[in-house]
Structures are given as C-alpha cells and as structure tokens.
Amino acid sequence: MQFIRSLYFTNRLYLGLASLAYLFVLAFFVPVLLVIAKVALAVLALLVVVDLLLLYSNNKGLYASRSMQEKLSNGSENDVYLYLENKYNFTLYAEVIDELPFQLQKRDSVFKANVPTGRTHIIHYTVRPTKRGSYSFGAINVFAMSVLRLVKRRHKFAQNQEVPVYPSFIQMRQYELLTISNRLHEAGLKKIRRIGQSSEFEQIRPYVAGDDQRTINWKATARKAELMVNSYQDEKSQQVYCLIDKGRVMQMPFEGLSLLDYAINASLVVSNIALKKQDKAGVITFSHTISNMLPAERKASQLRLILELLYNQKTLYQETDYERLYTTVRHSIKQRSLLLLFSNFETLNGAQRQLPYLRAMAKRHLLVVIFFENTELHSLLHQRAANTEEVYTKAIAEKFAHDKRQIVKELQMHGIHTILTPPKDLTVNTINKYLELKARGLI
C-alpha cells in the first residue's frame, strides 16, 4: 500500500500511452504498423520498469526540510526556505508542494527544481499572513523524477510546524533602523522644525560653529577659558498610551488586513519609537469593556510585554463604550500623557455621541484621535457617473466623505488633535504626529 500511495504517473507517460493507442488504431487499417506499435509498447514498458528501479532502489534518496522564523509578522512578507538534498546517483527533477496553513488560502503553490546528485537545492518563497494567531504548516510533499520523467515517487516529510503570527515586528524593525540612522524621511516622515528650546538640560559642551549664542554658559566659559554652551535634549520619561478600539467598526477590511490589525501594527511601531526616545509606552484595548491595560513603563521588557498583549487582540463586534474608557483613563493615568486613540467614525452623529468623553479626556491629557479614510469610497468619488443609479451612489459616497471632514473640524474645534488617514499610511502619519507634538513641547 505504501508503494501504491507513493506512485504517480507523469503527463509524459500518459502522452506516450495515448500515442500508442492512436498507433494501434492506425494498425487496424495499416497492418504493417502493428509490429511497430507492439515494439513501442514493449520499449515504453521497459522504460517504466527502469524508471521505477531508479526511483525505488534507494529509500533514502531524498531529504527535505523547511526553515522559517519562529514567529511570523502580520501584514508583512515573511521568508520561508525549503531545502532539498539529493542522495540519488542521478540528477533529480522534483516538484514540491508545501502544505500551507489554511489561513493563507493558497492551493496552487508548486515549486520545480533540478537537483544534481549529492547537492542541496534551496527554494525560497514568501508568505503574507493577514490575521494574527497560530498558523499550522503541514508536510512537505516532493514528487521525485529521474531523467526519464515517466514515473513520480512522492516523498512526504511530515514536518508539521505551529508558528504564531504576531503584529508586524518586521515593520517595527524597519522604522527602528531608520530612527537609529536618522533616516526617517526615507519612509515619508517629515522633518519637524523645533520651536524654542527643549526644557530638559543634558550637558555643558564646547561651542561649535552654528550653536545658538544664547546658550553660552559664561561661568563655564570663564573656568575653561574657552566658549562653553548648554546642551538641551528632548524631554524624557513622558507617557505615551495607545488606546485601541476593538469594537465592530474596526473589523472593516482593507487590502486583506482589518482596521484593528492596522491599528495594532501602528501601535507597536509607535511604542517602540517612543521607548527609543526614552519615553514610557503603554497600551489600553477596549470595546464595551476594558479588555487590557498595560501601564506605561520604560523598562527593558516593556516592548515584549506590548507585543504579547497585542498578539491576542480580537474584534468583539459590540458597540464601544467611551464612557468606560474615560473612567479608566481618569482613574488609572494620573500623569499628563499623550493618548493616541485608534478608532473609526463613519458618521458625524456617531462622533458627536462620543464627543463629551473625548473632550473630558482632552482636558487632562493630550489626546490625538486617529481614524480612517474609506479608500474604496475615495476611488468611487473619482469615477464618472454613467447613469442615474451611479449618480445616487456617488452622492451618498460624497455624503460619507463630507462627514469624515466634518468630524475632523468638530474635534479640532474642541482642541482635540486628529489624524484622518488611509489605512496604509497609518503608521507614518502617526509617527509624524508623535514627533511633531514632541518637537512643539506639547506633551
């Protein structure tokens, strides 16, 4: 049974059999062809036997394995490597099918490779998960063929792997490297002109050309007999909280990812940059109730705690309770902090219902409300209406887009900072806002 289950025939063999059948039919009308058809059938049968002997003479003629990271990054391209080691004494022609997790919805990923004897071939491909959670990779199926390519032998390597998919730490590392190398502008981040001086003193250092003469420390200059200036830095140990709405409004999908996943990925990146800027980072997730609260800290393990907290967040499909959020913020966050509220408002009435609680939070903290443009709606607005139905559809779309702009004005009128952004630009726009507020000394 094991032999039968591993045995497959190639299209080349079926093509040969079809040709022989056609030849036998012709032999009925031209008897001379009957001898040729019988000889061809015998040759084909002999070649099949030889092919079987080549493939089944060595039970350990092939080895395959899979290599990937212990954790996958949500919404990013993750590298996967398949290693094929040929132990046969002939060049191996292989078709490889890797059993991918059902969440990826890929059923046509077949890889072909030619592996010389005694050599190892590496197959590289990428996967882009769009949901957090546990992903199960199944067996590696390798269909081995000799140079004759009449028969396939399936080698199955049961390398079942459970791999967790976390918020996009690949994106986080990219921004971290740009931050360290001072190249954030390459990712679309704006350079913020600083207004005035930061209030936190750093050190006294020698004067260099271009320093503000108003920062000269005359007492230190007299002691050192050279010009010395006071050096200032961004204020540290400020609290930055990411407030993530898990209500049903955050389930809307864009390019495979839900709004909640976009918010989670952006929160991870902003928290990491805040920690690199020596600020404290914390997270609150909420819906009809407060799901999780991680107090803002600057300890070495804080980023890992944020990553683990965000890993298990799911949409709760219920109406968000902003009153409960305000109560939690008031009683749990005593120090003035930067609150980055990730939510989504589709109508002006919906935003006005929550406005009293947003205004109350803005009195004690620096609140930034971040919500999303409907990019599908945006593309609809730029299409030309061809009939009456499309005119009505476009008018309704314009009404929704107008409501979004009105929400921004309504919040700004009450002193609440806002970001209205396409989902794909969420991370960049949020970091820009954080750096702008920090440069202006508003936190």
Protein backbone atom coordinates (compact mmCIF):
# COMPACT_ATOMS: atom_id res chain seq x y z
CA MET A 1 0.00 0.00 0.00
CA GLN A 2 2.85 2.37 0.77
CA PHE A 3 4.29 1.70 -2.68
CA ILE A 4 0.94 2.38 -4.39
CA ARG A 5 0.34 5.58 -2.40
CA SER A 6 3.73 6.96 -3.36
CA LEU A 7 3.45 6.07 -7.07
CA TYR A 8 2.30 8.68 -9.58
CA PHE A 9 2.48 8.83 -13.36
CA THR A 10 3.57 11.85 -15.36
CA ASN A 11 1.91 13.55 -18.30
CA ARG A 12 4.77 12.27 -20.46
CA LEU A 13 3.71 8.67 -19.79
CA TYR A 14 0.05 9.42 -20.49
CA LEU A 15 1.05 11.14 -23.72
CA GLY A 16 3.08 8.08 -24.72
CA LEU A 17 0.14 5.76 -23.98
CA ALA A 18 -2.20 7.99 -25.97
CA SER A 19 0.22 7.91 -28.90
CA LEU A 20 0.41 4.09 -28.72
CA ALA A 21 -3.38 3.84 -28.65
CA TYR A 22 -3.55 6.01 -31.75
CA LEU A 23 -0.88 3.84 -33.40
CA PHE A 24 -2.83 0.64 -32.67
CA VAL A 25 -5.93 2.19 -34.20
CA LEU A 26 -3.97 3.04 -37.34
CA ALA A 27 -2.61 -0.52 -37.40
CA PHE A 28 -6.17 -1.75 -37.87
CA PHE A 29 -6.13 -0.05 -41.26
CA VAL A 30 -2.39 -0.42 -41.97
CA PRO A 31 -1.31 -3.85 -40.63
CA VAL A 32 2.39 -3.03 -41.08
CA LEU A 33 2.14 -0.59 -38.16
CA LEU A 34 1.06 -3.33 -35.73
CA VAL A 35 4.63 -4.61 -35.29
CA ILE A 36 5.89 -1.07 -34.72
CA ALA A 37 3.15 -0.45 -32.15
CA LYS A 38 3.99 -3.65 -30.23
CA VAL A 39 7.70 -2.83 -30.19
CA ALA A 40 6.96 0.72 -28.99
CA LEU A 41 4.72 -0.65 -26.23
CA ALA A 42 7.46 -3.03 -25.09
CA VAL A 43 10.03 -0.22 -25.09
CA LEU A 44 7.69 2.03 -23.10
CA ALA A 45 7.02 -0.74 -20.58
CA LEU A 46 10.77 -1.36 -20.23
CA LEU A 47 11.44 2.34 -19.66
CA VAL A 48 8.75 2.47 -16.97
CA VAL A 49 10.37 -0.50 -15.19
CA VAL A 50 13.78 1.15 -15.41
CA ASP A 51 12.32 4.39 -14.08
CA LEU A 52 10.74 2.52 -11.16
CA LEU A 53 14.01 0.82 -10.31
CA LEU A 54 15.86 4.16 -10.36
CA LEU A 55 13.40 5.83 -8.03
CA TYR A 56 12.68 2.96 -5.62
CA SER A 57 16.13 1.40 -5.36
CA ASN A 58 17.12 3.96 -2.72
CA ASN A 59 14.63 4.52 0.11
CA LYS A 60 16.69 7.41 1.47
CA GLY A 61 17.48 9.08 -1.80
CA LEU A 62 15.93 12.41 -0.88
CA TYR A 63 15.61 14.61 2.19
CA ALA A 64 13.62 17.85 2.53
CA SER A 65 13.21 20.34 5.35
CA ARG A 66 11.63 23.73 5.98
CA SER A 67 13.20 26.74 7.64
CA MET A 68 11.49 29.95 8.80
CA GLN A 69 11.37 32.34 11.71
CA GLU A 70 9.87 31.20 14.99
CA LYS A 71 7.31 34.00 14.67
CA LEU A 72 5.71 35.46 11.56
CA SER A 73 4.96 39.14 11.09
CA ASN A 74 1.36 40.07 10.31
CA GLY A 75 0.84 42.03 7.10
CA SER A 76 4.49 41.65 6.02
CA GLU A 77 6.28 39.35 3.61
CA ASN A 78 7.90 36.55 5.62
CA ASP A 79 10.67 34.38 4.17
CA VAL A 80 10.31 30.59 4.02
CA TYR A 81 13.10 28.28 2.80
CA LEU A 82 12.79 24.67 1.62
CA TYR A 83 15.97 22.57 1.47
CA LEU A 84 16.13 19.59 -0.93
CA GLU A 85 19.09 17.21 -0.55
CA ASN A 86 19.59 14.72 -3.43
CA LYS A 87 21.13 11.40 -2.34
CA TYR A 88 20.31 9.57 -5.57
CA ASN A 89 23.12 8.79 -8.03
CA PHE A 90 21.43 10.81 -10.79
CA THR A 91 20.13 14.34 -11.26
CA LEU A 92 16.74 14.66 -9.64
CA TYR A 93 13.81 16.52 -11.16
CA ALA A 94 11.40 17.45 -8.40
CA GLU A 95 8.02 19.08 -7.95
CA VAL A 96 7.49 20.38 -4.43
CA ILE A 97 4.17 21.12 -2.75
CA ASP A 98 4.39 22.66 0.71
CA GLU A 99 1.21 22.28 2.77
CA LEU A 100 0.49 25.89 3.76
CA PRO A 101 -1.87 26.99 6.56
CA PHE A 102 -5.50 27.32 5.55
CA GLN A 103 -5.50 31.00 6.60
CA LEU A 104 -3.27 31.84 3.63
CA GLN A 105 -5.79 30.39 1.14
CA LYS A 106 -3.11 29.22 -1.31
CA ARG A 107 -3.77 25.99 -3.18
CA ASP A 108 -1.59 26.38 -6.27
CA SER A 109 1.92 26.82 -4.87
CA VAL A 110 4.01 24.23 -6.74
CA PHE A 111 7.78 24.65 -6.98
CA LYS A 112 10.01 22.90 -9.53
CA ALA A 113 13.69 22.18 -9.05
CA ASN A 114 16.57 20.29 -10.68
CA VAL A 115 18.94 18.92 -8.04
CA PRO A 116 22.29 17.40 -9.13
CA THR A 117 23.42 14.28 -7.31
CA GLY A 118 24.96 14.94 -3.92
CA ARG A 119 23.85 18.59 -3.93
CA THR A 120 21.34 20.63 -1.92
CA HIS A 121 18.84 22.94 -3.60
CA ILE A 122 17.17 25.84 -1.77
CA ILE A 123 13.66 27.01 -2.65
CA HIS A 124 12.72 30.44 -1.35
CA TYR A 125 9.22 31.88 -1.18
CA THR A 126 7.34 34.36 0.99
CA VAL A 127 4.01 34.30 2.81
CA ARG A 128 1.95 37.31 3.87
CA PRO A 129 -0.43 36.47 6.71
CA THR A 130 -3.29 38.90 7.26
CA LYS A 131 -4.57 37.60 10.60
CA ARG A 132 -2.86 37.15 13.93
CA GLY A 133 -2.94 33.76 15.61
CA SER A 134 -1.47 30.29 15.27
CA TYR A 135 -0.66 29.01 11.76
CA SER A 136 -0.07 25.32 11.07
CA PHE A 137 2.31 24.31 8.28
CA GLY A 138 1.83 20.70 7.20
CA ALA A 139 4.05 18.18 5.42
CA ILE A 140 6.45 18.81 2.55
CA ASN A 141 5.48 16.73 -0.48
CA VAL A 142 8.26 16.13 -3.01
CA PHE A 143 7.44 14.32 -6.27
CA ALA A 144 10.80 12.94 -7.45
CA MET A 145 11.51 12.06 -11.08
CA SER A 146 14.52 10.63 -12.87
CA VAL A 147 15.80 11.80 -16.24
CA LEU A 148 13.13 9.61 -17.94
CA ARG A 149 10.28 11.50 -16.20
CA LEU A 150 7.73 8.76 -16.73
CA VAL A 151 7.04 7.98 -13.08
CA LYS A 152 6.90 10.13 -9.97
CA ARG A 153 7.71 8.96 -6.48
CA ARG A 154 6.19 11.01 -3.70
CA HIS A 155 8.39 11.62 -0.68
CA LYS A 156 6.42 13.04 2.23
CA PHE A 157 8.26 14.70 5.06
CA ALA A 158 5.94 15.20 8.00
CA GLN A 159 7.37 18.46 9.28
CA ASN A 160 4.29 19.89 10.97
CA GLN A 161 5.05 23.30 12.43
CA GLU A 162 2.87 25.58 14.56
CA VAL A 163 4.00 29.16 14.00
CA PRO A 164 2.43 32.15 15.78
CA VAL A 165 1.71 35.29 13.74
CA TYR A 166 2.44 38.43 15.75
CA PRO A 167 1.82 42.12 14.98
CA SER A 168 4.17 43.41 12.32
CA PHE A 169 7.54 43.35 14.08
CA ILE A 170 9.24 43.48 10.65
CA GLN A 171 7.71 46.92 10.08
CA MET A 172 8.74 47.86 13.62
CA ARG A 173 12.37 46.91 12.96
CA GLN A 174 12.43 48.85 9.70
CA TYR A 175 11.37 52.05 11.44
CA GLU A 176 13.72 51.31 14.32
CA LEU A 177 16.70 51.11 11.96
CA LEU A 178 15.64 54.33 10.24
CA THR A 179 15.34 56.01 13.64
CA ILE A 180 18.79 54.89 14.74
CA SER A 181 20.41 56.01 11.46
CA ASN A 182 18.41 59.29 11.43
CA ARG A 183 16.87 58.43 8.03
CA LEU A 184 13.17 58.52 8.92
CA HIS A 185 12.49 60.86 5.99
CA GLU A 186 13.04 57.89 3.66
CA ALA A 187 9.84 56.34 4.99
CA GLY A 188 7.86 59.54 4.42
CA LEU A 189 8.36 61.07 7.86
CA LYS A 190 8.58 64.83 7.88
CA LYS A 191 11.39 66.81 9.43
CA ILE A 192 9.88 68.91 12.20
CA ARG A 193 11.30 72.38 12.81
CA ARG A 194 11.78 72.83 16.53
CA ILE A 195 10.22 75.88 18.09
CA GLY A 196 12.27 77.22 21.01
CA GLN A 197 14.37 75.03 23.29
CA SER A 198 13.52 71.80 25.00
CA SER A 199 13.36 72.33 28.72
CA GLU A 200 15.49 69.34 29.76
CA PHE A 201 19.17 70.12 30.31
CA GLU A 202 21.63 67.49 29.00
CA GLN A 203 25.23 68.69 29.36
CA ILE A 204 27.75 71.51 29.01
CA ARG A 205 29.95 71.12 25.95
CA PRO A 206 32.43 73.21 23.90
CA TYR A 207 30.99 75.72 21.45
CA VAL A 208 30.99 74.75 17.78
CA ALA A 209 30.16 76.91 14.79
CA GLY A 210 26.42 77.23 14.33
CA ASP A 211 25.43 76.90 18.02
CA ASP A 212 22.92 79.41 19.34
CA GLN A 213 24.88 82.13 21.10
CA ARG A 214 22.09 82.49 23.64
CA THR A 215 23.03 79.08 25.08
CA ILE A 216 26.60 80.15 26.03
CA ASN A 217 27.36 79.31 29.66
CA TRP A 218 29.55 82.23 30.75
CA LYS A 219 30.55 80.73 34.10
CA ALA A 220 31.76 77.51 32.48
CA THR A 221 33.48 79.60 29.78
CA ALA A 222 35.41 81.52 32.44
CA ARG A 223 36.50 78.32 34.16
CA LYS A 224 37.60 76.53 30.97
CA ALA A 225 38.97 79.59 29.19
CA GLU A 226 37.02 78.58 26.07
CA LEU A 227 33.47 79.06 24.92
CA MET A 228 31.10 76.50 26.52
CA VAL A 229 27.40 76.11 25.75
CA ASN A 230 24.47 74.44 27.46
CA SER A 231 23.11 71.47 25.51
CA TYR A 232 19.45 70.56 25.73
CA GLN A 233 17.54 67.47 24.68
CA ASP A 234 14.01 66.28 24.21
CA GLU A 235 12.20 65.78 27.45
CA LYS A 236 12.25 62.15 28.54
CA SER A 237 10.02 59.87 30.59
CA GLN A 238 6.82 61.24 29.08
CA GLN A 239 3.95 58.78 28.94
CA VAL A 240 2.58 57.65 25.57
CA TYR A 241 -0.53 55.46 25.57
CA CYS A 242 -2.04 53.73 22.54
CA LEU A 243 -5.81 53.35 23.05
CA ILE A 244 -7.07 50.70 20.62
CA ASP A 245 -10.77 50.38 19.88
CA LYS A 246 -11.85 46.75 19.37
CA GLY A 247 -15.48 47.47 18.53
CA ARG A 248 -17.23 46.34 15.39
CA VAL A 249 -16.20 49.50 13.49
CA MET A 250 -12.62 48.19 13.49
CA GLN A 251 -13.42 44.99 11.63
CA MET A 252 -13.66 46.67 8.23
CA PRO A 253 -11.00 45.13 5.90
CA PHE A 254 -8.57 46.95 3.62
CA GLU A 255 -6.05 45.06 1.46
CA GLY A 256 -6.52 41.89 3.49
CA LEU A 257 -5.97 43.45 6.92
CA SER A 258 -8.70 44.68 9.26
CA LEU A 259 -8.57 48.20 10.69
CA LEU A 260 -7.81 46.61 14.05
CA ASP A 261 -4.69 44.97 12.63
CA TYR A 262 -3.57 48.26 11.08
CA ALA A 263 -4.02 49.94 14.46
CA ILE A 264 -2.13 47.18 16.27
CA ASN A 265 0.80 47.32 13.83
CA ALA A 266 1.00 51.11 14.13
CA SER A 267 0.78 50.93 17.93
CA LEU A 268 3.71 48.53 18.07
CA VAL A 269 5.87 50.78 15.87
CA VAL A 270 4.99 53.98 17.75
CA SER A 271 5.56 52.31 21.13
CA ASN A 272 8.99 51.14 20.01
CA ILE A 273 9.97 54.62 18.77
CA ALA A 274 8.68 56.17 22.00
CA LEU A 275 10.85 53.79 24.01
CA LYS A 276 13.84 54.65 21.79
CA LYS A 277 13.13 58.33 22.53
CA GLN A 278 13.36 57.47 26.26
CA ASP A 279 9.61 57.91 26.78
CA LYS A 280 7.28 55.48 28.53
CA ALA A 281 4.91 53.41 26.41
CA GLY A 282 1.64 51.77 27.43
CA VAL A 283 -1.43 50.20 25.81
CA ILE A 284 -5.15 50.10 26.56
CA THR A 285 -7.54 47.96 24.49
CA PHE A 286 -11.27 48.49 24.89
CA SER A 287 -14.70 47.83 23.44
CA HIS A 288 -17.88 47.58 25.50
CA THR A 289 -15.49 46.97 28.38
CA ILE A 290 -11.79 47.50 29.07
CA SER A 291 -10.04 44.39 27.75
CA ASN A 292 -6.40 45.03 28.67
CA MET A 293 -4.35 47.76 30.24
CA LEU A 294 -0.55 47.82 30.29
CA PRO A 295 0.75 50.78 32.33
CA ALA A 296 3.31 52.97 30.60
CA GLU A 297 6.86 51.98 31.56
CA ARG A 298 10.35 52.31 30.10
CA LYS A 299 11.83 49.03 31.33
CA ALA A 300 13.76 46.70 29.05
CA SER A 301 10.95 44.15 28.83
CA GLN A 302 8.20 46.67 28.00
CA LEU A 303 8.28 46.12 24.23
CA ARG A 304 8.00 42.36 24.67
CA LEU A 305 5.02 42.84 27.01
CA ILE A 306 3.34 45.11 24.45
CA LEU A 307 3.94 42.56 21.68
CA GLU A 308 2.46 39.72 23.74
CA LEU A 309 -0.55 41.83 24.72
CA LEU A 310 -1.32 42.84 21.13
CA TYR A 311 -0.93 39.28 19.83
CA ASN A 312 -4.24 38.03 21.24
CA GLN A 313 -6.49 41.01 20.47
CA LYS A 314 -9.67 40.30 18.51
CA THR A 315 -12.66 42.36 17.43
CA LEU A 316 -15.56 41.96 19.85
CA TYR A 317 -18.31 43.11 17.40
CA GLN A 318 -20.05 45.27 20.04
CA GLU A 319 -20.69 48.98 20.48
CA THR A 320 -17.72 50.77 22.01
CA ASP A 321 -18.25 52.25 25.49
CA TYR A 322 -16.31 55.53 25.58
CA GLU A 323 -17.69 56.40 29.00
CA ARG A 324 -15.96 53.35 30.46
CA LEU A 325 -12.77 54.31 28.62
CA TYR A 326 -12.87 57.84 30.07
CA THR A 327 -13.41 56.46 33.59
CA THR A 328 -10.44 54.12 33.24
CA VAL A 329 -8.17 56.84 31.87
CA ARG A 330 -9.14 59.27 34.63
CA HIS A 331 -8.55 56.82 37.48
CA SER A 332 -5.54 54.93 36.11
CA ILE A 333 -3.45 57.58 34.30
CA LYS A 334 -2.56 60.28 36.81
CA GLN A 335 0.28 61.99 34.90
CA ARG A 336 -0.46 64.12 31.83
CA SER A 337 0.15 61.81 28.88
CA LEU A 338 -0.10 61.58 25.11
CA LEU A 339 -3.15 59.44 24.24
CA LEU A 340 -3.22 58.04 20.71
CA LEU A 341 -6.80 56.85 20.23
CA PHE A 342 -7.20 54.43 17.29
CA SER A 343 -10.86 54.19 16.31
CA ASN A 344 -13.15 54.79 13.35
CA PHE A 345 -16.10 57.13 12.92
CA GLU A 346 -18.22 56.74 9.80
CA THR A 347 -20.86 59.39 10.56
CA LEU A 348 -20.86 62.81 12.20
CA ASN A 349 -23.65 61.76 14.58
CA GLY A 350 -21.58 58.80 15.74
CA ALA A 351 -18.64 61.06 16.58
CA GLN A 352 -20.84 63.65 18.32
CA ARG A 353 -22.24 60.99 20.64
CA GLN A 354 -18.72 60.29 21.92
CA LEU A 355 -17.58 63.93 21.89
CA PRO A 356 -18.28 64.66 25.62
CA TYR A 357 -15.98 61.82 26.69
CA LEU A 358 -13.28 62.82 24.20
CA ARG A 359 -13.39 66.42 25.44
CA ALA A 360 -13.14 65.25 29.04
CA MET A 361 -10.02 63.19 28.26
CA ALA A 362 -8.52 66.10 26.29
CA LYS A 363 -8.77 68.36 29.37
CA ARG A 364 -6.37 66.18 31.36
CA HIS A 365 -4.22 64.73 28.59
CA LEU A 366 -3.01 65.45 25.09
CA LEU A 367 -5.50 63.45 23.00
CA VAL A 368 -5.00 62.52 19.34
CA VAL A 369 -7.98 60.83 17.68
CA ILE A 370 -6.89 58.67 14.74
CA PHE A 371 -9.49 57.34 12.33
CA PHE A 372 -9.57 56.10 8.77
CA GLU A 373 -10.43 57.24 5.30
CA ASN A 374 -12.53 54.80 3.31
CA THR A 375 -10.22 54.29 0.33
CA GLU A 376 -12.87 52.32 -1.57
CA LEU A 377 -15.18 55.29 -1.16
CA HIS A 378 -12.41 57.62 -2.30
CA SER A 379 -11.93 55.71 -5.56
CA LEU A 380 -15.70 55.75 -6.15
CA LEU A 381 -15.77 59.55 -5.87
CA HIS A 382 -13.31 59.92 -8.74
CA GLN A 383 -15.28 57.72 -11.13
CA ARG A 384 -17.58 59.32 -13.68
CA ALA A 385 -21.26 58.51 -13.17
CA ALA A 386 -22.69 56.84 -16.28
CA ASN A 387 -26.35 56.55 -15.27
CA THR A 388 -28.88 57.71 -12.68
CA GLU A 389 -28.14 54.90 -10.26
CA GLU A 390 -24.45 55.74 -10.24
CA VAL A 391 -25.27 59.41 -9.66
CA TYR A 392 -27.21 58.49 -6.50
CA THR A 393 -24.42 56.15 -5.38
CA LYS A 394 -21.82 58.87 -5.89
CA ALA A 395 -23.95 61.39 -3.98
CA ILE A 396 -24.19 59.02 -0.99
CA ALA A 397 -20.43 58.42 -1.14
CA GLU A 398 -19.83 62.19 -1.14
CA LYS A 399 -22.06 62.49 1.94
CA PHE A 400 -19.94 59.94 3.83
CA ALA A 401 -16.70 61.63 2.75
CA HIS A 402 -18.10 65.03 3.82
CA ASP A 403 -18.98 63.58 7.24
CA LYS A 404 -15.37 62.47 7.70
CA ARG A 405 -14.13 66.01 7.02
CA GLN A 406 -16.74 67.45 9.36
CA ILE A 407 -15.65 65.10 12.14
CA VAL A 408 -12.10 66.43 11.83
CA LYS A 409 -13.32 70.04 12.09
CA GLU A 410 -15.61 69.22 15.02
CA LEU A 411 -12.82 67.62 17.01
CA GLN A 412 -10.31 70.35 16.21
CA MET A 413 -12.83 72.98 17.25
CA HIS A 414 -12.72 71.49 20.75
CA GLY A 415 -8.91 71.36 20.88
CA ILE A 416 -8.57 67.67 20.03
CA HIS A 417 -5.79 66.72 17.62
CA THR A 418 -6.91 64.44 14.78
CA ILE A 419 -5.44 62.25 12.08
CA LEU A 420 -7.64 61.20 9.15
CA THR A 421 -5.55 58.73 7.20
CA PRO A 422 -5.75 55.92 4.65
CA PRO A 423 -5.04 52.59 6.40
CA LYS A 424 -1.79 52.02 4.50
CA ASP A 425 -0.38 55.39 5.69
CA LEU A 426 -1.45 54.96 9.30
CA THR A 427 1.98 54.17 10.75
CA VAL A 428 3.81 57.02 9.01
CA ASN A 429 1.16 59.61 9.85
CA THR A 430 1.01 58.53 13.50
CA ILE A 431 4.78 58.73 13.93
CA ASN A 432 4.79 62.15 12.23
CA LYS A 433 2.19 63.39 14.72
CA TYR A 434 4.09 62.00 17.71
CA LEU A 435 7.34 63.65 16.59
CA GLU A 436 5.55 66.92 15.84
CA LEU A 437 3.91 67.10 19.26
CA LYS A 438 7.20 66.22 20.95
CA ALA A 439 9.10 68.86 18.97
CA ARG A 440 6.50 71.52 19.85
CA GLY A 441 6.78 70.60 23.53
CA LEU A 442 3.04 69.96 23.88
CA ILE A 443 3.33 66.69 25.78
